[in-house]
Amino acid sequence: MFCDDGAAAFNELMVNLARCKNSESETFQLVIMDYHMPSLNGIDVITRCRKVYDEDGFFFPRAVLLTAITDPRLKRSCVNNVDHFMEKPPTYEGLKEVFDSL
């Protein structure tokens, strides 16, 4: 799914996670979220979704933050909410590394 802003991404992700939660056959294992989005950034979306699902005990998929920011402080500040960071533009090698870690 693709969304124009962070609030839409949050809503869409929550709808799809709820659908997976209520289904035995539907699931997904990876969320790739852009860091810079209007209204909510990717970290905010991931953090809010994880909070909802951590309270519920439901599995939250791995989260990858896609960003052009290479500042190590960003990575350190998000270590508890983001499983992987990928620099823009994403590369085959970067995606392969993420997929291999699943």
Protein backbone atom coordinates (compact mmCIF):
# COMPACT_ATOMS: atom_id res chain seq x y z
CA MET A 1 0.00 0.00 0.00
CA PHE A 2 1.13 3.55 -0.66
CA CYS A 3 -0.12 6.61 1.20
CA ASP A 4 0.29 10.34 0.69
CA ASP A 5 0.93 11.21 4.32
CA GLY A 6 1.70 9.71 7.71
CA ALA A 7 -1.84 9.92 9.07
CA ALA A 8 -3.17 8.01 6.06
CA ALA A 9 -0.33 5.48 6.44
CA PHE A 10 -1.21 4.97 10.12
CA ASN A 11 -4.90 4.44 9.33
CA GLU A 12 -4.18 2.11 6.43
CA LEU A 13 -1.67 0.10 8.44
CA MET A 14 -4.09 -0.27 11.36
CA VAL A 15 -6.86 -1.48 9.02
CA ASN A 16 -4.58 -4.03 7.39
CA LEU A 17 -3.14 -5.23 10.70
CA ALA A 18 -6.66 -5.70 12.06
CA ARG A 19 -7.60 -7.69 8.96
CA CYS A 20 -4.55 -9.93 9.45
CA LYS A 21 -5.29 -10.32 13.14
CA ASN A 22 -8.77 -11.59 12.35
CA SER A 23 -7.62 -13.94 9.59
CA GLU A 24 -5.78 -17.21 9.77
CA SER A 25 -4.48 -16.94 6.22
CA GLU A 26 -3.63 -13.24 5.73
CA THR A 27 -0.41 -11.87 7.14
CA PHE A 28 2.53 -9.70 6.28
CA GLN A 29 6.00 -9.63 7.74
CA LEU A 30 7.45 -6.29 6.70
CA VAL A 31 6.49 -2.62 6.84
CA ILE A 32 8.66 -0.14 4.92
CA MET A 33 7.92 3.38 6.06
CA ASP A 34 9.38 6.64 4.77
CA TYR A 35 10.74 8.89 7.48
CA HIS A 36 9.64 12.20 5.93
CA MET A 37 5.88 12.32 5.46
CA PRO A 38 3.37 15.09 6.09
CA SER A 39 1.38 15.01 9.36
CA LEU A 40 3.20 12.03 10.96
CA ASN A 41 6.70 10.83 10.21
CA GLY A 42 7.49 7.17 9.71
CA ILE A 43 8.80 6.72 13.25
CA ASP A 44 5.60 8.13 14.71
CA VAL A 45 3.48 5.79 12.59
CA ILE A 46 5.52 2.73 13.57
CA THR A 47 5.61 3.72 17.26
CA ARG A 48 1.85 4.28 17.44
CA CYS A 49 1.05 1.02 15.67
CA ARG A 50 3.44 -0.96 17.86
CA LYS A 51 1.93 0.56 20.99
CA VAL A 52 -1.56 -0.56 19.99
CA TYR A 53 -0.42 -4.06 19.10
CA ASP A 54 2.02 -4.49 22.00
CA GLU A 55 -0.85 -3.83 24.39
CA ASP A 56 -2.90 -6.43 22.54
CA GLY A 57 -0.15 -9.04 22.31
CA PHE A 58 -0.46 -9.24 18.52
CA PHE A 59 2.63 -9.72 16.37
CA PHE A 60 3.75 -6.50 14.67
CA PRO A 61 5.73 -7.02 11.47
CA ARG A 62 9.34 -5.96 11.11
CA ALA A 63 9.65 -2.25 10.46
CA VAL A 64 12.09 -0.64 8.04
CA LEU A 65 12.60 3.11 8.03
CA LEU A 66 13.49 4.55 4.65
CA THR A 67 15.36 7.85 4.96
CA ALA A 68 17.83 10.15 3.27
CA ILE A 69 19.18 11.19 6.69
CA THR A 70 22.46 9.47 7.48
CA ASP A 71 22.88 10.97 10.96
CA PRO A 72 23.67 8.17 13.45
CA ARG A 73 21.71 10.05 16.13
CA LEU A 74 18.50 9.30 14.23
CA LYS A 75 19.28 5.59 14.26
CA ARG A 76 20.11 5.61 17.97
CA SER A 77 16.93 7.50 18.84
CA CYS A 78 14.76 4.91 17.09
CA VAL A 79 16.49 1.68 18.00
CA ASN A 80 13.51 0.45 20.07
CA ASN A 81 10.92 1.01 17.35
CA VAL A 82 12.63 0.36 14.03
CA ASP A 83 14.19 -2.96 13.04
CA HIS A 84 16.18 -1.70 10.05
CA PHE A 85 17.20 1.55 8.42
CA MET A 86 17.62 1.94 4.68
CA GLU A 87 19.10 4.95 3.02
CA LYS A 88 17.40 6.45 -0.02
CA PRO A 89 17.43 5.44 -2.71
CA PRO A 90 16.85 1.82 -1.73
CA THR A 91 19.10 -0.68 -3.44
CA TYR A 92 18.74 -4.32 -4.33
CA GLU A 93 21.52 -5.17 -1.87
CA GLY A 94 19.82 -3.22 0.93
CA LEU A 95 16.47 -4.87 0.31
CA LYS A 96 18.10 -8.29 0.10
CA GLU A 97 19.79 -7.71 3.46
CA VAL A 98 16.45 -6.84 5.04
CA PHE A 99 14.65 -9.81 3.48
CA ASP A 100 17.42 -12.19 4.50
CA SER A 101 17.09 -11.05 8.11
CA LEU A 102 13.39 -12.00 8.33
